[in-house]
C-alpha cells in the first residue's frame, strides 16, 4: 500500500505541484489603482491632467501673491480641442460690451501660443460673434487674400503664404486658416484682415493691377499712370540700390501715394450724391487705406535706413492703430474684431515699461486703448519654461524666472494652462502684485518691468512651451 502511494505520488508529482501553485492564495489580493483620468470625452483636461509639478529650482515667492493667483485664475483645459469650449465660457461675461479682443504673445515662435489662440479665436467666432481676425501682417496682403483667394476648399498653406508673415507659417496656424476657409461655405464666415503697413507676402504683386482696375471706372489715364508707378516701385522695393533710390525719391513717392489716397477719399465723400455699389465702396475703402500705407511705409523705411529706429517703429505702430480703427469704424463697422499681434504692440502704454530693450517706445496699443477704451480687452501671453524660436527659426531656451516676477507667481498655480483677469480682479493684499511694477519676460529671455494691469486686461500663462512646427 505504501509502495502504491509512493508510485502514485511520483507519477502525479508534477501535477500536484502545479495544482499547489495554482490554488488561490489565502492572502488579501493586491488592488491595482487605475491612474486618474487626465481627459474627458471632449479632450478637456481633468484637474489631474492640468496638474503641473513645482519647479525644483523655482525661486521663493510672496505667499500672499501666490494665494491671490490661486484664488482667481481660470483653468484652460485644452489648447486644441474643438469638441467643447466649456472651459472658455468664463470669457463671455468679461467680454460683454467688448468690440475688440487683442491676443498677444511674448514671442512669435511658440507652438502653444499658436494653439491656444487658434482655439480661442474659434470660440470667439462661433459663440460670441467675433467675425474678423486681424493679423499683425500686411493690410493689403490680407485684404487681397480675403477677397480673392479664400474659398471653402482653398489650401490653407497657400492662403497663409499669400497673407501673413512667415513667422506664423506653422502647422498650428495652418489649422486656423483651414477653419477660415471652411467657414466661407457657411452664412457665418470668419473674415481675414491685416493691419500692418509692412508687406508680409508676395501678394503685393497684385497691388498695381488692383489700383488700375478700380481707377479705370473713374479715370482711365490716371489708372495707367498709377499702374506704371506702383509697378516700378514694387520692382525696386528692397532690391539692390533701393536705399539710395528711396532717399533720392522719397518726396515724389509719398506725394504720388498720398495723392492717390486723396483721390479715393474724394470718391467716398461724393458717395452721398452719387451712390456707389456696396462692393465698389468696400474696394475703394481698402484702396484708400492701402495707398496711405504705402506712403507711410516709405517714410518708415527711410527713418530706419537713417538710423532713427525708434521713430520708424513708432510710425509703424501709429499707422497700425489707424488701420485697425479704420477696419472697425469703416470697413467692418458692424463686426467685432480679434487682433493677433506681439505683446509689445498691444500693450496699453508700452512707453511706461522699463528694461534693456525698447524703453520709451509708444506702440499701437496706446492709441487703440485711448480710442476704444473699455470696448477693447487686451490679453498678454506668457510662458514659464521650455524652448521657443526666434523669427529666423533658431531655437532658444526660455530663461529662468526671477522671484517677484509674473512668471514666478503664475508658475505656483501649478496648472499647465491658465487665464487671469486683471480688469475685474478684486482689490486686496493678495492681488496687489498686478498693480505694482514687476518683471515679466520679453521674448522669454529679457526681463522688463511694468505694472501689468496697466498694460493688459488679462493674461494667458503656459507653463512649458515648445517651438512651432514650421511648414518650411
Protein backbone atom coordinates (compact mmCIF):
# COMPACT_ATOMS: atom_id res chain seq x y z
CA UNK A 1 0.00 0.00 0.00
CA UNK A 2 2.83 2.38 0.87
CA UNK A 3 4.61 1.41 -2.32
CA UNK A 4 1.50 2.16 -4.34
CA UNK A 5 1.15 5.55 -2.74
CA UNK A 6 4.79 6.36 -3.35
CA UNK A 7 4.50 5.40 -7.03
CA UNK A 8 1.30 7.37 -7.41
CA UNK A 9 2.88 10.41 -5.86
CA UNK A 10 5.91 10.06 -8.12
CA UNK A 11 3.73 9.80 -11.21
CA UNK A 12 1.49 12.66 -10.14
CA UNK A 13 4.11 14.86 -8.51
CA UNK A 14 4.30 17.40 -11.29
CA UNK A 15 0.54 17.62 -11.41
CA UNK A 16 0.22 18.02 -7.67
CA UNK A 17 2.98 20.58 -7.63
CA UNK A 18 1.30 22.51 -10.41
CA UNK A 19 -2.05 22.40 -8.68
CA UNK A 20 -0.45 23.62 -5.48
CA UNK A 21 0.81 26.77 -7.18
CA UNK A 22 -2.48 27.37 -8.96
CA UNK A 23 -4.51 27.33 -5.74
CA UNK A 24 -5.73 30.81 -4.76
CA UNK A 25 -3.71 32.48 -2.06
CA UNK A 26 -5.22 32.95 1.33
CA UNK A 27 -3.74 36.44 1.43
CA UNK A 28 -5.87 39.51 0.59
CA UNK A 29 -5.45 40.24 -3.18
CA UNK A 30 -3.49 43.36 -4.16
CA UNK A 31 -5.72 46.15 -5.55
CA UNK A 32 -4.12 47.84 -8.58
CA UNK A 33 -5.16 51.51 -8.65
CA UNK A 34 -6.07 52.82 -12.07
CA UNK A 35 -4.40 56.12 -12.96
CA UNK A 36 -6.61 59.16 -12.66
CA UNK A 37 -8.30 60.14 -15.90
CA UNK A 38 -6.50 63.09 -17.44
CA UNK A 39 -9.01 63.96 -20.20
CA UNK A 40 -12.76 63.83 -20.55
CA UNK A 41 -14.64 62.63 -23.63
CA UNK A 42 -14.25 66.07 -25.25
CA UNK A 43 -10.48 66.18 -24.88
CA UNK A 44 -10.61 68.64 -21.97
CA UNK A 45 -8.08 68.06 -19.22
CA UNK A 46 -9.35 66.99 -15.84
CA UNK A 47 -7.89 68.58 -12.71
CA UNK A 48 -5.39 65.70 -12.57
CA UNK A 49 -4.46 66.30 -16.20
CA UNK A 50 -3.94 70.02 -15.54
CA UNK A 51 -1.52 69.43 -12.66
CA UNK A 52 1.99 70.76 -13.23
CA UNK A 53 4.89 69.95 -10.88
CA UNK A 54 6.66 72.63 -8.88
CA UNK A 55 10.00 73.51 -10.42
CA UNK A 56 12.68 72.27 -8.00
CA UNK A 57 14.70 75.43 -8.65
CA UNK A 58 11.72 77.81 -8.58
CA UNK A 59 12.59 80.98 -6.64
CA UNK A 60 10.94 81.81 -3.34
CA UNK A 61 7.71 83.72 -3.80
CA UNK A 62 5.45 86.01 -1.80
CA UNK A 63 2.79 83.64 -0.37
CA UNK A 64 0.08 86.31 -0.42
CA UNK A 65 0.60 86.93 -4.12
CA UNK A 66 0.59 83.22 -4.88
CA UNK A 67 -2.62 82.92 -2.87
CA UNK A 68 -4.18 85.67 -4.99
CA UNK A 69 -3.23 83.94 -8.24
CA UNK A 70 -4.55 80.60 -6.95
CA UNK A 71 -7.86 82.13 -5.89
CA UNK A 72 -8.54 83.92 -9.17
CA UNK A 73 -7.07 82.02 -12.13
CA UNK A 74 -9.27 80.20 -14.62
CA UNK A 75 -8.04 76.84 -15.94
CA UNK A 76 -7.77 76.41 -19.69
CA UNK A 77 -8.37 72.69 -20.14
CA UNK A 78 -7.17 72.30 -23.69
CA UNK A 79 -5.04 74.08 -26.24
CA UNK A 80 -6.60 72.32 -29.22
CA UNK A 81 -10.00 70.71 -28.52
CA UNK A 82 -12.82 71.68 -30.88
CA UNK A 83 -15.27 69.29 -29.27
CA UNK A 84 -16.12 71.62 -26.39
CA UNK A 85 -15.47 75.22 -25.39
CA UNK A 86 -16.93 74.73 -21.93
CA UNK A 87 -13.66 75.72 -20.23
CA UNK A 88 -13.61 79.05 -22.12
CA UNK A 89 -17.08 80.20 -21.09
CA UNK A 90 -15.59 82.37 -18.34
CA UNK A 91 -14.66 84.80 -21.14
CA UNK A 92 -18.26 85.63 -22.00
CA UNK A 93 -19.01 87.97 -19.06
CA UNK A 94 -15.53 89.50 -19.32
CA UNK A 95 -16.17 90.41 -22.96
CA UNK A 96 -19.67 91.81 -22.59
CA UNK A 97 -19.77 95.10 -24.49
CA UNK A 98 -16.30 94.50 -25.99
CA UNK A 99 -15.76 95.02 -29.74
CA UNK A 100 -12.01 94.36 -29.96
CA UNK A 101 -10.10 91.48 -28.34
CA UNK A 102 -6.31 91.68 -28.62
CA UNK A 103 -4.42 88.38 -28.27
CA UNK A 104 -0.72 88.93 -27.73
CA UNK A 105 2.37 86.74 -27.43
CA UNK A 106 5.66 87.39 -25.68
CA UNK A 107 7.42 85.60 -28.56
CA UNK A 108 6.27 84.76 -32.09
CA UNK A 109 7.89 81.33 -32.06
CA UNK A 110 5.81 79.34 -29.54
CA UNK A 111 3.70 76.35 -30.55
CA UNK A 112 1.39 76.55 -27.53
CA UNK A 113 0.67 80.25 -28.09
CA UNK A 114 -0.40 79.49 -31.67
CA UNK A 115 -2.57 76.61 -30.48
CA UNK A 116 -4.41 78.38 -27.68
CA UNK A 117 -5.00 81.50 -29.78
CA UNK A 118 -6.40 79.40 -32.63
CA UNK A 119 -8.79 77.68 -30.22
CA UNK A 120 -9.90 80.93 -28.57
CA UNK A 121 -10.49 82.52 -31.99
CA UNK A 122 -12.79 79.63 -32.92
CA UNK A 123 -14.70 80.08 -29.65
CA UNK A 124 -14.99 83.85 -30.05
CA UNK A 125 -16.24 83.40 -33.60
CA UNK A 126 -18.67 80.55 -33.01
CA UNK A 127 -20.12 81.61 -29.68
CA UNK A 128 -19.52 85.34 -29.16
CA UNK A 129 -19.91 86.76 -32.68
CA UNK A 130 -16.37 87.96 -33.40
CA UNK A 131 -16.30 87.69 -37.19
CA UNK A 132 -12.97 89.32 -38.16
CA UNK A 133 -9.46 88.07 -37.37
CA UNK A 134 -6.85 90.80 -37.96
CA UNK A 135 -3.20 89.77 -38.08
CA UNK A 136 -0.03 91.76 -37.50
CA UNK A 137 0.59 91.40 -41.24
CA UNK A 138 0.18 93.45 -44.39
CA UNK A 139 -3.11 95.33 -44.73
CA UNK A 140 -3.28 94.77 -48.49
CA UNK A 141 -1.85 91.23 -48.39
CA UNK A 142 -4.61 90.04 -46.06
CA UNK A 143 -7.37 92.05 -47.76
CA UNK A 144 -6.45 90.67 -51.18
CA UNK A 145 -6.30 87.11 -49.86
CA UNK A 146 -9.66 87.51 -48.11
CA UNK A 147 -11.41 88.93 -51.16
CA UNK A 148 -9.87 86.81 -53.90
CA UNK A 149 -8.28 83.61 -52.59
CA UNK A 150 -10.23 82.29 -49.61
CA UNK A 151 -12.72 79.68 -50.74
CA UNK A 152 -14.20 76.65 -48.94
CA UNK A 153 -11.71 74.22 -50.49
CA UNK A 154 -8.69 76.53 -50.62
CA UNK A 155 -5.35 75.12 -49.50
CA UNK A 156 -4.61 76.61 -46.08
CA UNK A 157 -0.85 76.74 -46.55
CA UNK A 158 -1.29 78.72 -49.78
CA UNK A 159 -3.61 81.16 -48.02
CA UNK A 160 -1.08 81.72 -45.21
CA UNK A 161 1.76 82.33 -47.64
CA UNK A 162 -0.42 84.81 -49.54
CA UNK A 163 -1.30 86.82 -46.45
CA UNK A 164 0.73 86.68 -43.25
CA UNK A 165 4.37 86.87 -42.20
CA UNK A 166 6.29 83.61 -42.35
CA UNK A 167 6.87 83.53 -38.58
CA UNK A 168 3.32 82.12 -38.48
CA UNK A 169 3.66 79.65 -41.35
CA UNK A 170 3.21 76.77 -38.92
CA UNK A 171 1.06 73.66 -38.56
CA UNK A 172 -0.83 75.28 -35.68
CA UNK A 173 -1.78 78.41 -37.63
CA UNK A 174 -2.49 76.33 -40.73
CA UNK A 175 -5.36 74.84 -38.72
CA UNK A 176 -6.78 78.33 -38.25
CA UNK A 177 -6.61 79.01 -41.98
CA UNK A 178 -8.33 75.70 -42.67
CA UNK A 179 -11.09 76.87 -40.36
CA UNK A 180 -11.28 80.29 -42.07
CA UNK A 181 -11.68 78.56 -45.45
CA UNK A 182 -14.31 76.14 -44.10
CA UNK A 183 -16.42 78.98 -42.72
CA UNK A 184 -16.57 80.54 -46.18
CA UNK A 185 -19.11 77.84 -47.09
CA UNK A 186 -21.40 78.99 -44.27
CA UNK A 187 -23.54 82.05 -43.62
CA UNK A 188 -21.17 82.94 -40.77
CA UNK A 189 -17.69 83.33 -42.32
CA UNK A 190 -14.60 84.38 -40.38
CA UNK A 191 -13.10 87.31 -42.29
CA UNK A 192 -9.32 87.71 -42.62
CA UNK A 193 -7.76 91.17 -42.29
CA UNK A 194 -4.32 92.68 -41.70
CA UNK A 195 -3.27 95.95 -40.12
CA UNK A 196 0.47 96.27 -40.71
CA UNK A 197 1.95 98.88 -43.04
CA UNK A 198 4.74 96.43 -43.77
CA UNK A 199 4.31 94.00 -46.65
CA UNK A 200 4.06 90.40 -45.45
CA UNK A 201 3.81 88.30 -48.61
CA UNK A 202 4.19 88.41 -52.37
CA UNK A 203 0.52 89.36 -52.80
CA UNK A 204 1.80 92.90 -53.29
CA UNK A 205 2.40 91.94 -56.91
CA UNK A 206 -1.36 92.27 -57.40
CA UNK A 207 -1.50 95.77 -55.93
CA UNK A 208 -0.78 97.76 -59.10
CA UNK A 209 -3.47 95.89 -61.04
CA UNK A 210 -5.89 96.32 -58.11
CA UNK A 211 -5.38 100.10 -58.22
CA UNK A 212 -5.64 100.23 -62.02
CA UNK A 213 -8.79 98.11 -62.29
CA UNK A 214 -10.55 100.23 -59.68
CA UNK A 215 -9.40 103.58 -61.09
CA UNK A 216 -10.42 102.69 -64.66
CA UNK A 217 -14.05 103.09 -63.59
CA UNK A 218 -13.38 106.77 -62.88
CA UNK A 219 -10.24 107.95 -64.75
CA UNK A 220 -8.57 105.67 -67.30
CA UNK A 221 -5.47 107.84 -67.81
CA UNK A 222 -4.83 108.12 -64.07
CA UNK A 223 -5.31 104.37 -63.80
CA UNK A 224 -2.44 103.73 -66.21
CA UNK A 225 -0.23 106.32 -64.51
CA UNK A 226 -0.66 104.67 -61.11
CA UNK A 227 -0.21 101.18 -62.56
CA UNK A 228 3.14 102.15 -64.09
CA UNK A 229 4.33 103.99 -60.96
CA UNK A 230 3.35 101.26 -58.49
CA UNK A 231 4.81 98.51 -60.68
CA UNK A 232 8.13 100.37 -60.86
CA UNK A 233 8.15 100.96 -57.11
CA UNK A 234 7.48 97.32 -56.32
CA UNK A 235 10.21 96.20 -58.71
CA UNK A 236 12.69 98.38 -56.79
CA UNK A 237 11.41 97.72 -53.27
CA UNK A 238 14.18 96.31 -51.06
CA UNK A 239 16.20 95.29 -54.08
CA UNK A 240 19.79 96.33 -54.72
CA UNK A 241 20.06 100.13 -54.70
CA UNK A 242 16.68 100.65 -53.02
CA UNK A 243 18.10 102.55 -50.03
CA UNK A 244 19.67 105.14 -52.33
CA UNK A 245 16.60 105.26 -54.59
CA UNK A 246 14.31 105.85 -51.62
CA UNK A 247 16.47 108.61 -50.19
CA UNK A 248 16.56 110.43 -53.53
CA UNK A 249 12.88 109.98 -54.38
CA UNK A 250 11.07 109.89 -51.03
CA UNK A 251 9.12 113.10 -51.64
CA UNK A 252 7.85 112.06 -55.06
CA UNK A 253 6.97 108.57 -53.79
CA UNK A 254 4.99 109.80 -50.80
CA UNK A 255 3.32 112.53 -52.88
CA UNK A 256 2.16 110.03 -55.50
CA UNK A 257 0.59 107.65 -52.98
CA UNK A 258 -0.81 110.43 -50.79
CA UNK A 259 -2.49 111.98 -53.84
CA UNK A 260 -3.89 108.56 -54.70
CA UNK A 261 -5.31 108.21 -51.19
CA UNK A 262 -6.88 111.67 -51.54
CA UNK A 263 -8.46 110.63 -54.85
CA UNK A 264 -10.10 107.63 -53.22
CA UNK A 265 -11.19 109.68 -50.23
CA UNK A 266 -12.88 112.17 -52.55
CA UNK A 267 -14.78 109.31 -54.18
CA UNK A 268 -16.04 108.19 -50.79
CA UNK A 269 -17.14 111.72 -49.90
CA UNK A 270 -19.07 112.04 -53.17
CA UNK A 271 -20.93 108.85 -52.38
CA UNK A 272 -23.89 110.76 -50.92
CA UNK A 273 -24.65 112.44 -54.23
CA UNK A 274 -23.58 109.56 -56.50
CA UNK A 275 -24.09 106.31 -54.56
CA UNK A 276 -21.54 103.60 -55.23
CA UNK A 277 -22.24 99.90 -55.38
CA UNK A 278 -21.50 98.40 -51.97
CA UNK A 279 -18.75 96.18 -53.40
CA UNK A 280 -17.16 99.18 -55.10
CA UNK A 281 -17.36 101.22 -51.93
CA UNK A 282 -15.63 98.43 -49.99
CA UNK A 283 -12.88 98.22 -52.61
CA UNK A 284 -12.36 101.99 -52.51
CA UNK A 285 -12.02 101.93 -48.72
CA UNK A 286 -9.36 99.20 -48.99
CA UNK A 287 -7.60 101.07 -51.80
CA UNK A 288 -7.68 104.34 -49.84
CA UNK A 289 -6.06 102.74 -46.80
CA UNK A 290 -3.58 100.79 -48.94
CA UNK A 291 -2.33 103.96 -50.67
CA UNK A 292 -1.82 105.63 -47.28
CA UNK A 293 0.04 102.56 -46.05
CA UNK A 294 2.46 102.52 -48.97
CA UNK A 295 3.28 106.21 -48.40
CA UNK A 296 3.80 105.65 -44.66
CA UNK A 297 5.83 102.52 -45.30
CA UNK A 298 8.25 104.53 -47.46
CA UNK A 299 8.71 107.10 -44.68
CA UNK A 300 9.16 104.30 -42.12
CA UNK A 301 11.83 102.67 -44.28
CA UNK A 302 13.67 105.97 -44.67
CA UNK A 303 13.68 106.60 -40.91
CA UNK A 304 15.04 103.10 -40.32
CA UNK A 305 17.71 103.41 -43.01
CA UNK A 306 18.88 106.72 -41.49
CA UNK A 307 19.26 105.15 -38.03
CA UNK A 308 16.09 106.62 -36.46
CA UNK A 309 14.91 103.18 -35.32
CA UNK A 310 12.52 104.34 -32.60
CA UNK A 311 10.88 106.91 -34.87
CA UNK A 312 10.50 104.23 -37.55
CA UNK A 313 8.97 101.78 -35.08
CA UNK A 314 6.57 104.34 -33.60
CA UNK A 315 5.38 105.43 -37.05
CA UNK A 316 4.66 101.80 -37.90
CA UNK A 317 2.69 101.28 -34.67
CA UNK A 318 0.77 104.54 -35.03
CA UNK A 319 -0.34 103.59 -38.52
CA UNK A 320 -1.16 100.02 -37.45
CA UNK A 321 -3.51 101.57 -34.90
CA UNK A 322 -5.03 103.76 -37.62
CA UNK A 323 -5.53 100.69 -39.80
CA UNK A 324 -7.35 98.86 -37.03
CA UNK A 325 -9.52 101.87 -36.26
CA UNK A 326 -10.33 102.12 -39.97
CA UNK A 327 -11.20 98.41 -40.11
CA UNK A 328 -13.59 98.75 -37.18
CA UNK A 329 -15.17 102.10 -38.00
CA UNK A 330 -15.40 101.99 -41.79
CA UNK A 331 -14.68 98.64 -43.42
CA UNK A 332 -16.36 96.35 -40.85
CA UNK A 333 -18.40 98.78 -38.73
CA UNK A 334 -20.90 96.19 -37.56
CA UNK A 335 -18.40 93.49 -36.68
CA UNK A 336 -16.34 92.57 -33.64
CA UNK A 337 -12.63 92.04 -34.30
CA UNK A 338 -9.93 89.75 -32.89
CA UNK A 339 -6.35 91.06 -33.10
CA UNK A 340 -3.30 88.75 -33.36
CA UNK A 341 -0.03 90.52 -32.52
CA UNK A 342 3.03 90.60 -30.26
CA UNK A 343 2.64 91.73 -26.63
CA UNK A 344 4.91 94.67 -27.46
CA UNK A 345 2.38 96.10 -29.91
CA UNK A 346 -0.83 95.56 -27.92
CA UNK A 347 0.22 96.96 -24.51
CA UNK A 348 -1.82 99.94 -23.39
CA UNK A 349 1.19 102.10 -22.58
CA UNK A 350 4.48 100.48 -23.51
CA UNK A 351 6.28 103.82 -23.05
CA UNK A 352 5.86 103.25 -19.29
CA UNK A 353 7.65 99.89 -19.49
CA UNK A 354 11.31 99.86 -18.50
CA UNK A 355 14.05 97.42 -19.41
CA UNK A 356 17.12 96.89 -21.56
CA UNK A 357 15.22 96.99 -24.90
CA UNK A 358 12.55 99.24 -26.47
CA UNK A 359 12.41 101.59 -23.50
CA UNK A 360 10.18 104.62 -24.04
CA UNK A 361 8.59 103.36 -27.26
CA UNK A 362 4.94 104.19 -27.91
CA UNK A 363 3.14 101.29 -29.56
CA UNK A 364 -0.16 100.52 -31.23
CA UNK A 365 -1.95 99.60 -28.01
CA UNK A 366 -1.57 103.15 -26.67
CA UNK A 367 -3.66 104.72 -29.44
CA UNK A 368 -6.12 101.82 -29.56
CA UNK A 369 -6.68 101.98 -25.80
CA UNK A 370 -7.25 105.74 -25.99
CA UNK A 371 -9.74 105.28 -28.84
CA UNK A 372 -11.68 102.15 -27.81
CA UNK A 373 -11.20 102.28 -24.02
CA UNK A 374 -13.44 99.69 -22.30
CA UNK A 375 -14.67 98.38 -25.65
CA UNK A 376 -11.29 96.70 -26.09
CA UNK A 377 -9.97 93.78 -24.00
CA UNK A 378 -6.24 93.06 -24.20
CA UNK A 379 -4.67 89.69 -23.33
CA UNK A 380 -0.92 89.18 -22.93
CA UNK A 381 0.54 85.67 -23.32
CA UNK A 382 3.47 84.49 -21.19
CA UNK A 383 5.45 81.29 -20.55
CA UNK A 384 7.48 79.82 -17.70
CA UNK A 385 9.97 77.36 -19.19
CA UNK A 386 10.85 75.34 -22.29
CA UNK A 387 12.15 76.28 -25.72
CA UNK A 388 10.92 78.73 -28.33
CA UNK A 389 12.10 80.11 -31.67
CA UNK A 390 13.40 83.42 -32.95
CA UNK A 391 11.90 84.89 -36.13
CA UNK A 392 14.58 83.10 -38.16
CA UNK A 393 13.55 79.78 -36.53
CA UNK A 394 16.68 79.46 -34.37
CA UNK A 395 15.74 77.66 -31.16
CA UNK A 396 16.48 79.14 -27.74
CA UNK A 397 15.76 78.25 -24.12
CA UNK A 398 13.37 80.33 -22.02
CA UNK A 399 15.40 81.86 -19.18
CA UNK A 400 14.70 81.21 -15.51
CA UNK A 401 12.08 83.35 -13.79
CA UNK A 402 13.08 85.73 -11.00
CA UNK A 403 11.37 85.95 -7.63
CA UNK A 404 8.59 88.52 -7.70
CA UNK A 405 8.05 88.21 -11.45
CA UNK A 406 4.79 87.47 -13.21
CA UNK A 407 6.22 84.15 -14.37
CA UNK A 408 7.32 83.11 -10.88
CA UNK A 409 3.95 83.96 -9.32
CA UNK A 410 1.88 82.27 -12.02
CA UNK A 411 4.12 79.18 -12.04
CA UNK A 412 2.97 78.43 -8.49
CA UNK A 413 -0.61 77.95 -9.58
CA UNK A 414 0.79 74.57 -10.69
CA UNK A 415 -1.63 74.22 -13.60
CA UNK A 416 -0.43 73.75 -17.17
CA UNK A 417 -2.55 76.45 -18.81
CA UNK A 418 -4.37 79.29 -17.10
CA UNK A 419 -6.04 82.66 -17.57
CA UNK A 420 -6.01 85.52 -15.08
CA UNK A 421 -8.32 88.50 -15.49
CA UNK A 422 -6.98 91.88 -14.34
CA UNK A 423 -9.89 94.15 -15.29
CA UNK A 424 -12.32 92.79 -12.70
CA UNK A 425 -9.82 91.42 -10.19
CA UNK A 426 -10.87 92.39 -6.64
CA UNK A 427 -8.59 94.81 -4.79
CA UNK A 428 -6.83 93.00 -1.95
CA UNK A 429 -3.44 92.33 -0.37
CA UNK A 430 -3.28 89.08 -2.34
CA UNK A 431 -3.92 90.80 -5.67
CA UNK A 432 -1.82 93.92 -5.20
CA UNK A 433 1.01 92.46 -7.29
CA UNK A 434 -0.86 93.11 -10.55
CA UNK A 435 -0.78 96.86 -9.85
CA UNK A 436 2.89 97.05 -8.82
CA UNK A 437 5.95 97.29 -11.07
CA UNK A 438 7.15 93.70 -11.56
CA UNK A 439 9.28 91.77 -14.03
CA UNK A 440 7.93 89.79 -16.96
CA UNK A 441 9.86 88.50 -19.94
CA UNK A 442 10.08 89.93 -23.44
CA UNK A 443 10.70 87.06 -25.86
CA UNK A 444 11.14 84.68 -22.91
CA UNK A 445 14.62 85.96 -22.14
CA UNK A 446 14.64 89.68 -21.30
CA UNK A 447 13.19 91.00 -18.04
CA UNK A 448 11.03 94.09 -18.49
CA UNK A 449 9.43 95.99 -15.61
CA UNK A 450 5.80 97.05 -15.86
CA UNK A 451 2.56 97.45 -13.95
CA UNK A 452 0.75 94.57 -15.56
CA UNK A 453 -2.85 95.66 -15.06
CA UNK A 454 -1.95 99.00 -16.68
CA UNK A 455 -0.78 97.13 -19.80
CA UNK A 456 -3.26 94.26 -20.11
CA UNK A 457 -6.81 93.37 -19.13
CA UNK A 458 -5.77 89.77 -18.56
CA UNK A 459 -3.08 87.20 -19.31
CA UNK A 460 -2.80 83.62 -20.51
CA UNK A 461 0.01 81.65 -18.88
CA UNK A 462 1.60 78.49 -20.29
CA UNK A 463 3.97 76.59 -18.01
CA UNK A 464 6.03 74.64 -20.60
CA UNK A 465 6.46 75.58 -24.25
CA UNK A 466 7.98 74.26 -27.46
CA UNK A 467 8.84 75.85 -30.84
CA UNK A 468 6.17 75.80 -33.55
CA UNK A 469 6.02 73.10 -36.20
CA UNK A 470 7.22 75.18 -39.14
CA UNK A 471 5.97 74.15 -42.57
CA UNK A 472 9.23 75.06 -44.27
